[in-house]
């Protein structure tokens, strides 16, 4: 049996905190769970640049009998994502022994910190709406969303050659979601069947016009009278989110850190002692960057 020491207990506390941190983060994300984040969570520093290759476009040539192939020289595209956001949330626990005795108490401390980081990631992703310039925005500020606007958004992505097999998402604010639930053709059993019944009773839209619909409290809004709500329709490969591991603190500095990783998300949880307050301090932080990968894979849906 291993000997119980203060160092073992300290490491166990940090691991316990880390185990609760990441599932809570993922559970509070909408956009973060929809965009492309298939990038290894390797060690990195703030300000680093991640190069994401974009597949080139090739054409099919008709080769005549006895003819020769036509060699193409495609240029591999590249999208750069700068790791320019180091988000952190820090809190202190005066009596850490209570947390060990009552594990649910840890979640009371942890949840607000994780939610704060999730909200920051969500806002940054939704503020990328202005980067989608290849397709003209549909709708107008101050107007009510309707079936025609939704149809225009889906048509724009189809015309931009978004693969039919690739899921398409529509993330809207609360008011737009409410307006969509009131479009009669999609909220009545006699016109939309079981899906209409779910919209009417459960209040969930699910899928409409080939879009999986989600709502977020952090959809960007600009202007005044009328306010422009920049809802976003996009395919997964239109936006990239890169999360990188932060380095461990230097040995002997009195800080202990653990990593929490799940589904290409990586967070660092650091515990240190604060003599001024006689409390244990926990910092949950994440280094990330986000950017538009394919300009033609998204369209603004303005209301």
C-alpha atoms as a PDB file:
ATOM      1  CA  UNK A   1       0.000   0.000   0.000  1.00  0.00           C
ATOM      2  CA  UNK A   2       1.461   3.416  -0.949  1.00  0.00           C
ATOM      3  CA  UNK A   3       2.321   5.775   1.874  1.00  0.00           C
ATOM      4  CA  UNK A   4      -0.094   8.688   2.258  1.00  0.00           C
ATOM      5  CA  UNK A   5       1.809  11.957   2.194  1.00  0.00           C
ATOM      6  CA  UNK A   6       0.845  15.617   1.888  1.00  0.00           C
ATOM      7  CA  UNK A   7       2.177  15.571  -1.686  1.00  0.00           C
ATOM      8  CA  UNK A   8      -0.044  12.618  -2.592  1.00  0.00           C
ATOM      9  CA  UNK A   9      -3.071  14.309  -1.069  1.00  0.00           C
ATOM     10  CA  UNK A  10      -2.351  17.568  -2.908  1.00  0.00           C
ATOM     11  CA  UNK A  11      -2.040  15.776  -6.251  1.00  0.00           C
ATOM     12  CA  UNK A  12      -5.243  13.868  -5.539  1.00  0.00           C
ATOM     13  CA  UNK A  13      -7.124  17.123  -4.875  1.00  0.00           C
ATOM     14  CA  UNK A  14      -6.003  18.648  -8.174  1.00  0.00           C
ATOM     15  CA  UNK A  15      -6.940  15.476 -10.059  1.00  0.00           C
ATOM     16  CA  UNK A  16     -10.360  15.550  -8.432  1.00  0.00           C
ATOM     17  CA  UNK A  17     -10.891  19.143  -9.514  1.00  0.00           C
ATOM     18  CA  UNK A  18      -9.674  18.418 -13.057  1.00  0.00           C
ATOM     19  CA  UNK A  19     -11.986  15.417 -13.387  1.00  0.00           C
ATOM     20  CA  UNK A  20     -15.012  17.637 -12.731  1.00  0.00           C
ATOM     21  CA  UNK A  21     -13.864  20.628 -14.777  1.00  0.00           C
ATOM     22  CA  UNK A  22     -13.904  19.444 -18.369  1.00  0.00           C
ATOM     23  CA  UNK A  23     -17.267  17.618 -18.533  1.00  0.00           C
ATOM     24  CA  UNK A  24     -18.844  20.742 -17.089  1.00  0.00           C
ATOM     25  CA  UNK A  25     -17.160  22.888 -19.749  1.00  0.00           C
ATOM     26  CA  UNK A  26     -18.265  20.701 -22.658  1.00  0.00           C
ATOM     27  CA  UNK A  27     -21.790  20.556 -21.258  1.00  0.00           C
ATOM     28  CA  UNK A  28     -22.054  24.353 -21.296  1.00  0.00           C
ATOM     29  CA  UNK A  29     -20.855  24.821 -24.883  1.00  0.00           C
ATOM     30  CA  UNK A  30     -23.026  25.077 -27.989  1.00  0.00           C
ATOM     31  CA  UNK A  31     -20.734  26.394 -30.734  1.00  0.00           C
ATOM     32  CA  UNK A  32     -17.696  24.710 -29.223  1.00  0.00           C
ATOM     33  CA  UNK A  33     -19.309  21.322 -29.778  1.00  0.00           C
ATOM     34  CA  UNK A  34     -20.292  22.063 -33.406  1.00  0.00           C
ATOM     35  CA  UNK A  35     -17.147  23.499 -35.010  1.00  0.00           C
ATOM     36  CA  UNK A  36     -14.065  21.655 -36.238  1.00  0.00           C
ATOM     37  CA  UNK A  37     -11.648  21.091 -33.372  1.00  0.00           C
ATOM     38  CA  UNK A  38      -9.772  18.029 -34.643  1.00  0.00           C
ATOM     39  CA  UNK A  39      -6.374  19.269 -33.577  1.00  0.00           C
ATOM     40  CA  UNK A  40      -4.041  17.610 -31.105  1.00  0.00           C
ATOM     41  CA  UNK A  41      -3.895  19.306 -27.670  1.00  0.00           C
ATOM     42  CA  UNK A  42      -0.111  19.586 -27.657  1.00  0.00           C
ATOM     43  CA  UNK A  43       1.896  22.005 -25.534  1.00  0.00           C
ATOM     44  CA  UNK A  44       1.948  25.587 -26.775  1.00  0.00           C
ATOM     45  CA  UNK A  45       2.399  29.185 -25.684  1.00  0.00           C
ATOM     46  CA  UNK A  46       0.115  32.183 -26.097  1.00  0.00           C
ATOM     47  CA  UNK A  47       0.678  33.841 -29.454  1.00  0.00           C
ATOM     48  CA  UNK A  48       1.627  30.652 -31.311  1.00  0.00           C
ATOM     49  CA  UNK A  49       0.133  30.146 -34.766  1.00  0.00           C
ATOM     50  CA  UNK A  50      -1.438  26.894 -35.902  1.00  0.00           C
ATOM     51  CA  UNK A  51      -1.528  26.256 -39.653  1.00  0.00           C
ATOM     52  CA  UNK A  52      -4.585  24.323 -40.802  1.00  0.00           C
ATOM     53  CA  UNK A  53      -4.308  22.881 -44.343  1.00  0.00           C
ATOM     54  CA  UNK A  54      -7.265  23.462 -46.675  1.00  0.00           C
ATOM     55  CA  UNK A  55      -7.754  20.809 -49.423  1.00  0.00           C
ATOM     56  CA  UNK A  56      -7.276  22.182 -52.956  1.00  0.00           C
ATOM     57  CA  UNK A  57      -9.895  22.159 -55.706  1.00  0.00           C
ATOM     58  CA  UNK A  58      -9.312  19.766 -58.613  1.00  0.00           C
ATOM     59  CA  UNK A  59     -11.261  19.331 -61.836  1.00  0.00           C
ATOM     60  CA  UNK A  60     -12.118  16.142 -63.699  1.00  0.00           C
ATOM     61  CA  UNK A  61     -10.880  15.966 -67.301  1.00  0.00           C
ATOM     62  CA  UNK A  62     -12.236  13.743 -70.030  1.00  0.00           C
ATOM     63  CA  UNK A  63      -9.291  11.759 -71.367  1.00  0.00           C
ATOM     64  CA  UNK A  64      -9.733  10.626 -74.971  1.00  0.00           C
ATOM     65  CA  UNK A  65      -8.642   7.161 -76.081  1.00  0.00           C
ATOM     66  CA  UNK A  66      -4.902   7.230 -76.556  1.00  0.00           C
ATOM     67  CA  UNK A  67      -4.687  10.626 -74.925  1.00  0.00           C
ATOM     68  CA  UNK A  68      -2.649  11.717 -71.938  1.00  0.00           C
ATOM     69  CA  UNK A  69      -3.636  12.921 -68.505  1.00  0.00           C
ATOM     70  CA  UNK A  70      -3.671  16.610 -67.741  1.00  0.00           C
ATOM     71  CA  UNK A  71      -1.450  17.287 -64.775  1.00  0.00           C
ATOM     72  CA  UNK A  72      -2.845  19.779 -62.318  1.00  0.00           C
ATOM     73  CA  UNK A  73      -0.818  21.860 -59.917  1.00  0.00           C
ATOM     74  CA  UNK A  74      -3.182  22.462 -57.033  1.00  0.00           C
ATOM     75  CA  UNK A  75      -2.280  24.906 -54.324  1.00  0.00           C
ATOM     76  CA  UNK A  76      -2.861  23.603 -50.835  1.00  0.00           C
ATOM     77  CA  UNK A  77      -4.815  26.232 -48.952  1.00  0.00           C
ATOM     78  CA  UNK A  78      -3.876  27.317 -45.479  1.00  0.00           C
ATOM     79  CA  UNK A  79      -5.837  28.853 -42.650  1.00  0.00           C
ATOM     80  CA  UNK A  80      -3.978  30.306 -39.715  1.00  0.00           C
ATOM     81  CA  UNK A  81      -5.392  30.178 -36.212  1.00  0.00           C
ATOM     82  CA  UNK A  82      -3.549  32.276 -33.655  1.00  0.00           C
ATOM     83  CA  UNK A  83      -3.640  31.096 -30.055  1.00  0.00           C
ATOM     84  CA  UNK A  84      -4.443  34.575 -28.811  1.00  0.00           C
ATOM     85  CA  UNK A  85      -6.834  33.859 -25.947  1.00  0.00           C
ATOM     86  CA  UNK A  86      -5.684  32.625 -22.565  1.00  0.00           C
ATOM     87  CA  UNK A  87      -8.920  32.392 -20.592  1.00  0.00           C
ATOM     88  CA  UNK A  88      -8.784  31.740 -16.864  1.00  0.00           C
ATOM     89  CA  UNK A  89     -11.102  31.616 -13.900  1.00  0.00           C
ATOM     90  CA  UNK A  90      -9.666  31.608 -10.392  1.00  0.00           C
ATOM     91  CA  UNK A  91     -11.293  30.932  -7.054  1.00  0.00           C
ATOM     92  CA  UNK A  92     -10.184  30.201  -3.494  1.00  0.00           C
ATOM     93  CA  UNK A  93     -11.346  27.575  -1.030  1.00  0.00           C
ATOM     94  CA  UNK A  94     -10.660  28.479   2.616  1.00  0.00           C
ATOM     95  CA  UNK A  95     -11.043  24.963   4.018  1.00  0.00           C
ATOM     96  CA  UNK A  96      -9.995  22.341   1.481  1.00  0.00           C
ATOM     97  CA  UNK A  97     -10.733  19.500   3.907  1.00  0.00           C
ATOM     98  CA  UNK A  98     -14.438  20.216   3.577  1.00  0.00           C
ATOM     99  CA  UNK A  99     -14.198  19.632  -0.165  1.00  0.00           C
ATOM    100  CA  UNK A 100     -12.562  16.269   0.411  1.00  0.00           C
ATOM    101  CA  UNK A 101     -15.261  15.314   2.897  1.00  0.00           C
ATOM    102  CA  UNK A 102     -18.146  16.563   0.747  1.00  0.00           C
ATOM    103  CA  UNK A 103     -17.275  16.117  -2.993  1.00  0.00           C
ATOM    104  CA  UNK A 104     -20.482  17.860  -4.109  1.00  0.00           C
ATOM    105  CA  UNK A 105     -19.157  21.028  -2.508  1.00  0.00           C
ATOM    106  CA  UNK A 106     -16.373  21.058  -5.094  1.00  0.00           C
ATOM    107  CA  UNK A 107     -18.912  21.410  -7.887  1.00  0.00           C
ATOM    108  CA  UNK A 108     -20.366  24.466  -6.165  1.00  0.00           C
ATOM    109  CA  UNK A 109     -16.975  26.151  -6.454  1.00  0.00           C
ATOM    110  CA  UNK A 110     -16.059  24.697  -9.835  1.00  0.00           C
ATOM    111  CA  UNK A 111     -19.236  25.295 -11.829  1.00  0.00           C
ATOM    112  CA  UNK A 112     -19.076  29.128 -11.993  1.00  0.00           C
ATOM    113  CA  UNK A 113     -15.423  29.039 -13.063  1.00  0.00           C
ATOM    114  CA  UNK A 114     -16.056  26.560 -15.850  1.00  0.00           C
ATOM    115  CA  UNK A 115     -19.195  28.343 -17.047  1.00  0.00           C
ATOM    116  CA  UNK A 116     -17.245  31.610 -17.288  1.00  0.00           C
ATOM    117  CA  UNK A 117     -14.680  29.991 -19.586  1.00  0.00           C
ATOM    118  CA  UNK A 118     -17.381  28.327 -21.679  1.00  0.00           C
ATOM    119  CA  UNK A 119     -19.146  31.656 -22.157  1.00  0.00           C
ATOM    120  CA  UNK A 120     -15.913  33.273 -23.325  1.00  0.00           C
ATOM    121  CA  UNK A 121     -15.289  30.540 -25.918  1.00  0.00           C
ATOM    122  CA  UNK A 122     -18.913  30.710 -27.070  1.00  0.00           C
ATOM    123  CA  UNK A 123     -18.813  34.480 -27.547  1.00  0.00           C
ATOM    124  CA  UNK A 124     -15.549  34.374 -29.488  1.00  0.00           C
ATOM    125  CA  UNK A 125     -16.868  31.719 -31.867  1.00  0.00           C
ATOM    126  CA  UNK A 126     -20.131  33.532 -32.535  1.00  0.00           C
ATOM    127  CA  UNK A 127     -18.301  36.805 -33.140  1.00  0.00           C
ATOM    128  CA  UNK A 128     -16.689  35.201 -36.200  1.00  0.00           C
ATOM    129  CA  UNK A 129     -19.891  35.920 -38.146  1.00  0.00           C
ATOM    130  CA  UNK A 130     -18.258  38.924 -39.849  1.00  0.00           C
ATOM    131  CA  UNK A 131     -15.625  36.640 -41.389  1.00  0.00           C
ATOM    132  CA  UNK A 132     -18.201  34.931 -43.603  1.00  0.00           C
ATOM    133  CA  UNK A 133     -18.199  37.284 -46.578  1.00  0.00           C
ATOM    134  CA  UNK A 134     -18.312  34.842 -49.505  1.00  0.00           C
ATOM    135  CA  UNK A 135     -22.094  34.443 -49.169  1.00  0.00           C
ATOM    136  CA  UNK A 136     -24.368  37.474 -48.948  1.00  0.00           C
ATOM    137  CA  UNK A 137     -26.207  37.766 -45.607  1.00  0.00           C
ATOM    138  CA  UNK A 138     -29.865  36.804 -45.664  1.00  0.00           C
ATOM    139  CA  UNK A 139     -32.585  38.613 -43.754  1.00  0.00           C
ATOM    140  CA  UNK A 140     -32.435  42.149 -42.376  1.00  0.00           C
ATOM    141  CA  UNK A 141     -32.136  43.843 -39.013  1.00  0.00           C
ATOM    142  CA  UNK A 142     -35.431  44.164 -37.167  1.00  0.00           C
ATOM    143  CA  UNK A 143     -37.300  41.655 -39.336  1.00  0.00           C
ATOM    144  CA  UNK A 144     -38.997  38.467 -38.189  1.00  0.00           C
ATOM    145  CA  UNK A 145     -37.398  35.278 -39.448  1.00  0.00           C
ATOM    146  CA  UNK A 146     -39.565  33.248 -41.796  1.00  0.00           C
ATOM    147  CA  UNK A 147     -39.443  30.195 -44.013  1.00  0.00           C
ATOM    148  CA  UNK A 148     -38.176  32.187 -46.982  1.00  0.00           C
ATOM    149  CA  UNK A 149     -35.102  33.444 -45.077  1.00  0.00           C
ATOM    150  CA  UNK A 150     -34.290  29.926 -43.884  1.00  0.00           C
ATOM    151  CA  UNK A 151     -34.631  28.660 -47.433  1.00  0.00           C
ATOM    152  CA  UNK A 152     -32.259  31.337 -48.732  1.00  0.00           C
ATOM    153  CA  UNK A 153     -29.652  30.410 -46.118  1.00  0.00           C
ATOM    154  CA  UNK A 154     -29.733  26.716 -47.015  1.00  0.00           C
ATOM    155  CA  UNK A 155     -29.652  27.510 -50.724  1.00  0.00           C
ATOM    156  CA  UNK A 156     -26.616  29.754 -50.225  1.00  0.00           C
ATOM    157  CA  UNK A 157     -24.637  26.956 -48.599  1.00  0.00           C
ATOM    158  CA  UNK A 158     -25.710  24.460 -51.265  1.00  0.00           C
ATOM    159  CA  UNK A 159     -24.660  26.874 -54.021  1.00  0.00           C
ATOM    160  CA  UNK A 160     -21.322  27.322 -52.229  1.00  0.00           C
ATOM    161  CA  UNK A 161     -20.771  23.564 -52.712  1.00  0.00           C
ATOM    162  CA  UNK A 162     -20.962  22.558 -49.087  1.00  0.00           C
ATOM    163  CA  UNK A 163     -21.045  18.732 -49.301  1.00  0.00           C
ATOM    164  CA  UNK A 164     -24.575  17.423 -48.962  1.00  0.00           C
ATOM    165  CA  UNK A 165     -23.422  14.796 -46.463  1.00  0.00           C
ATOM    166  CA  UNK A 166     -21.871  17.390 -44.156  1.00  0.00           C
ATOM    167  CA  UNK A 167     -24.216  18.470 -41.332  1.00  0.00           C
ATOM    168  CA  UNK A 168     -25.304  22.091 -41.389  1.00  0.00           C
ATOM    169  CA  UNK A 169     -26.069  24.056 -38.237  1.00  0.00           C
ATOM    170  CA  UNK A 170     -28.065  27.171 -37.466  1.00  0.00           C
ATOM    171  CA  UNK A 171     -27.284  28.915 -34.170  1.00  0.00           C
ATOM    172  CA  UNK A 172     -29.731  31.662 -33.235  1.00  0.00           C
ATOM    173  CA  UNK A 173     -30.592  33.850 -30.267  1.00  0.00           C
ATOM    174  CA  UNK A 174     -33.615  33.360 -28.017  1.00  0.00           C
ATOM    175  CA  UNK A 175     -35.936  35.719 -29.936  1.00  0.00           C
ATOM    176  CA  UNK A 176     -35.152  34.168 -33.319  1.00  0.00           C
ATOM    177  CA  UNK A 177     -35.649  30.682 -31.889  1.00  0.00           C
ATOM    178  CA  UNK A 178     -39.024  31.761 -30.529  1.00  0.00           C
ATOM    179  CA  UNK A 179     -40.030  33.165 -33.917  1.00  0.00           C
ATOM    180  CA  UNK A 180     -39.024  29.926 -35.636  1.00  0.00           C
ATOM    181  CA  UNK A 181     -41.181  27.910 -33.252  1.00  0.00           C
ATOM    182  CA  UNK A 182     -44.156  29.960 -34.406  1.00  0.00           C
ATOM    183  CA  UNK A 183     -43.772  29.311 -38.145  1.00  0.00           C
ATOM    184  CA  UNK A 184     -47.045  27.454 -38.606  1.00  0.00           C
ATOM    185  CA  UNK A 185     -45.891  24.957 -41.243  1.00  0.00           C
ATOM    186  CA  UNK A 186     -43.239  23.608 -38.892  1.00  0.00           C
ATOM    187  CA  UNK A 187     -45.060  23.763 -35.574  1.00  0.00           C
ATOM    188  CA  UNK A 188     -48.293  21.937 -36.366  1.00  0.00           C
ATOM    189  CA  UNK A 189     -48.867  18.187 -36.466  1.00  0.00           C
ATOM    190  CA  UNK A 190     -50.982  18.341 -39.608  1.00  0.00           C
ATOM    191  CA  UNK A 191     -48.199  19.981 -41.617  1.00  0.00           C
ATOM    192  CA  UNK A 192     -44.973  18.723 -40.004  1.00  0.00           C
ATOM    193  CA  UNK A 193     -46.061  15.475 -38.367  1.00  0.00           C
ATOM    194  CA  UNK A 194     -44.159  14.281 -35.319  1.00  0.00           C
ATOM    195  CA  UNK A 195     -41.545  17.043 -35.673  1.00  0.00           C
ATOM    196  CA  UNK A 196     -44.247  19.694 -35.495  1.00  0.00           C
ATOM    197  CA  UNK A 197     -45.706  18.054 -32.405  1.00  0.00           C
ATOM    198  CA  UNK A 198     -42.308  18.133 -30.672  1.00  0.00           C
ATOM    199  CA  UNK A 199     -41.929  21.808 -31.534  1.00  0.00           C
ATOM    200  CA  UNK A 200     -45.387  22.588 -30.184  1.00  0.00           C
ATOM    201  CA  UNK A 201     -45.198  20.540 -26.982  1.00  0.00           C
ATOM    202  CA  UNK A 202     -41.498  20.184 -26.115  1.00  0.00           C
ATOM    203  CA  UNK A 203     -40.463  23.554 -27.514  1.00  0.00           C
ATOM    204  CA  UNK A 204     -37.525  22.098 -29.462  1.00  0.00           C
ATOM    205  CA  UNK A 205     -37.121  22.712 -33.181  1.00  0.00           C
ATOM    206  CA  UNK A 206     -34.619  19.993 -33.921  1.00  0.00           C
ATOM    207  CA  UNK A 207     -34.095  20.217 -37.661  1.00  0.00           C
ATOM    208  CA  UNK A 208     -35.551  22.590 -40.226  1.00  0.00           C
ATOM    209  CA  UNK A 209     -34.644  23.130 -43.887  1.00  0.00           C
ATOM    210  CA  UNK A 210     -31.674  20.753 -43.457  1.00  0.00           C
ATOM    211  CA  UNK A 211     -30.336  22.782 -40.500  1.00  0.00           C
ATOM    212  CA  UNK A 212     -29.834  21.409 -37.018  1.00  0.00           C
ATOM    213  CA  UNK A 213     -31.058  24.340 -34.945  1.00  0.00           C
ATOM    214  CA  UNK A 214     -29.496  25.456 -31.667  1.00  0.00           C
ATOM    215  CA  UNK A 215     -29.962  28.547 -29.571  1.00  0.00           C
ATOM    216  CA  UNK A 216     -27.314  30.473 -27.708  1.00  0.00           C
ATOM    217  CA  UNK A 217     -27.359  33.421 -25.343  1.00  0.00           C
ATOM    218  CA  UNK A 218     -24.189  34.786 -26.946  1.00  0.00           C
ATOM    219  CA  UNK A 219     -25.247  35.437 -30.546  1.00  0.00           C
ATOM    220  CA  UNK A 220     -23.667  38.748 -31.583  1.00  0.00           C
ATOM    221  CA  UNK A 221     -25.830  41.878 -31.775  1.00  0.00           C
ATOM    222  CA  UNK A 222     -24.853  45.232 -33.283  1.00  0.00           C
ATOM    223  CA  UNK A 223     -26.405  48.639 -33.856  1.00  0.00           C
ATOM    224  CA  UNK A 224     -29.521  50.137 -32.337  1.00  0.00           C
ATOM    225  CA  UNK A 225     -33.102  50.798 -33.429  1.00  0.00           C
ATOM    226  CA  UNK A 226     -33.234  48.275 -34.985  1.00  0.00           C
ATOM    227  CA  UNK A 227     -30.653  45.992 -33.402  1.00  0.00           C
ATOM    228  CA  UNK A 228     -29.094  43.536 -35.865  1.00  0.00           C
ATOM    229  CA  UNK A 229     -28.928  39.985 -34.562  1.00  0.00           C
ATOM    230  CA  UNK A 230     -26.222  38.038 -36.371  1.00  0.00           C
ATOM    231  CA  UNK A 231     -27.441  34.441 -36.283  1.00  0.00           C
ATOM    232  CA  UNK A 232     -25.089  32.036 -38.002  1.00  0.00           C
ATOM    233  CA  UNK A 233     -25.698  29.192 -40.451  1.00  0.00           C
ATOM    234  CA  UNK A 234     -22.613  27.123 -41.155  1.00  0.00           C
ATOM    235  CA  UNK A 235     -21.066  23.754 -41.812  1.00  0.00           C
ATOM    236  CA  UNK A 236     -18.648  22.211 -39.333  1.00  0.00           C
ATOM    237  CA  UNK A 237     -15.529  22.822 -41.430  1.00  0.00           C
ATOM    238  CA  UNK A 238     -16.367  26.503 -41.770  1.00  0.00           C
ATOM    239  CA  UNK A 239     -14.942  27.311 -38.328  1.00  0.00           C
ATOM    240  CA  UNK A 240     -11.923  25.961 -36.486  1.00  0.00           C
ATOM    241  CA  UNK A 241     -11.281  25.957 -32.766  1.00  0.00           C
ATOM    242  CA  UNK A 242      -7.789  25.035 -31.617  1.00  0.00           C
ATOM    243  CA  UNK A 243      -7.121  24.279 -27.959  1.00  0.00           C
ATOM    244  CA  UNK A 244      -3.572  23.755 -26.764  1.00  0.00           C
ATOM    245  CA  UNK A 245      -2.034  22.499 -23.549  1.00  0.00           C
ATOM    246  CA  UNK A 246      -0.385  25.051 -21.299  1.00  0.00           C
ATOM    247  CA  UNK A 247       2.984  24.134 -19.716  1.00  0.00           C
ATOM    248  CA  UNK A 248       3.267  22.761 -16.198  1.00  0.00           C
ATOM    249  CA  UNK A 249       4.397  25.275 -13.537  1.00  0.00           C
ATOM    250  CA  UNK A 250       8.068  25.165 -12.595  1.00  0.00           C
ATOM    251  CA  UNK A 251       8.908  22.532  -9.956  1.00  0.00           C
ATOM    252  CA  UNK A 252       9.381  23.870  -6.471  1.00  0.00           C
ATOM    253  CA  UNK A 253       7.222  26.958  -6.977  1.00  0.00           C
ATOM    254  CA  UNK A 254       4.456  25.642  -4.727  1.00  0.00           C
ATOM    255  CA  UNK A 255       1.939  25.074  -7.516  1.00  0.00           C
ATOM    256  CA  UNK A 256       0.543  21.726  -8.668  1.00  0.00           C
ATOM    257  CA  UNK A 257      -1.177  21.328 -12.027  1.00  0.00           C
ATOM    258  CA  UNK A 258      -3.162  18.611 -13.775  1.00  0.00           C
ATOM    259  CA  UNK A 259      -4.578  18.421 -17.285  1.00  0.00           C
ATOM    260  CA  UNK A 260      -8.175  17.623 -18.115  1.00  0.00           C
ATOM    261  CA  UNK A 261      -8.781  16.520 -21.710  1.00  0.00           C
ATOM    262  CA  UNK A 262     -11.918  15.358 -23.455  1.00  0.00           C
ATOM    263  CA  UNK A 263     -12.829  15.423 -27.131  1.00  0.00           C
ATOM    264  CA  UNK A 264      -9.949  17.701 -28.219  1.00  0.00           C
ATOM    265  CA  UNK A 265     -10.602  20.080 -25.342  1.00  0.00           C
ATOM    266  CA  UNK A 266      -7.704  20.558 -22.976  1.00  0.00           C
ATOM    267  CA  UNK A 267      -7.693  22.527 -19.741  1.00  0.00           C
ATOM    268  CA  UNK A 268      -5.149  23.044 -16.994  1.00  0.00           C
ATOM    269  CA  UNK A 269      -6.132  23.077 -13.346  1.00  0.00           C
ATOM    270  CA  UNK A 270      -3.551  24.610 -11.004  1.00  0.00           C
ATOM    271  CA  UNK A 271      -3.624  24.613  -7.199  1.00  0.00           C
ATOM    272  CA  UNK A 272      -1.458  26.856  -5.063  1.00  0.00           C
ATOM    273  CA  UNK A 273      -1.478  28.152  -1.509  1.00  0.00           C
ATOM    274  CA  UNK A 274      -2.157  31.817  -0.794  1.00  0.00           C
ATOM    275  CA  UNK A 275      -0.606  32.798   2.565  1.00  0.00           C
ATOM    276  CA  UNK A 276      -2.325  36.204   2.603  1.00  0.00           C
ATOM    277  CA  UNK A 277      -5.759  34.609   2.726  1.00  0.00           C
ATOM    278  CA  UNK A 278      -4.768  31.241   4.227  1.00  0.00           C
ATOM    279  CA  UNK A 279      -6.665  29.510   1.431  1.00  0.00           C
ATOM    280  CA  UNK A 280      -6.041  27.130  -1.431  1.00  0.00           C
ATOM    281  CA  UNK A 281      -6.283  28.875  -4.795  1.00  0.00           C
ATOM    282  CA  UNK A 282      -7.478  27.072  -7.902  1.00  0.00           C
ATOM    283  CA  UNK A 283      -7.028  28.395 -11.426  1.00  0.00           C
ATOM    284  CA  UNK A 284      -8.789  26.783 -14.360  1.00  0.00           C
ATOM    285  CA  UNK A 285      -7.339  28.046 -17.630  1.00  0.00           C
ATOM    286  CA  UNK A 286      -7.307  27.212 -21.310  1.00  0.00           C
ATOM    287  CA  UNK A 287      -5.304  28.500 -24.282  1.00  0.00           C
ATOM    288  CA  UNK A 288      -7.205  28.617 -27.547  1.00  0.00           C
ATOM    289  CA  UNK A 289      -7.750  30.375 -30.836  1.00  0.00           C
ATOM    290  CA  UNK A 290     -10.592  30.318 -33.352  1.00  0.00           C
ATOM    291  CA  UNK A 291     -10.977  31.461 -36.936  1.00  0.00           C
ATOM    292  CA  UNK A 292     -12.976  31.026 -40.122  1.00  0.00           C
ATOM    293  CA  UNK A 293     -11.515  28.107 -42.072  1.00  0.00           C
ATOM    294  CA  UNK A 294     -13.695  28.147 -45.197  1.00  0.00           C
ATOM    295  CA  UNK A 295     -15.318  31.450 -46.009  1.00  0.00           C
ATOM    296  CA  UNK A 296     -17.962  29.902 -48.239  1.00  0.00           C
ATOM    297  CA  UNK A 297     -19.114  27.417 -45.587  1.00  0.00           C
ATOM    298  CA  UNK A 298     -21.112  29.972 -43.592  1.00  0.00           C
ATOM    299  CA  UNK A 299     -23.751  32.660 -44.037  1.00  0.00           C
ATOM    300  CA  UNK A 300     -25.127  35.320 -41.729  1.00  0.00           C
ATOM    301  CA  UNK A 301     -28.833  35.075 -40.952  1.00  0.00           C
ATOM    302  CA  UNK A 302     -29.732  38.591 -39.798  1.00  0.00           C
ATOM    303  CA  UNK A 303     -32.877  39.416 -37.867  1.00  0.00           C
END
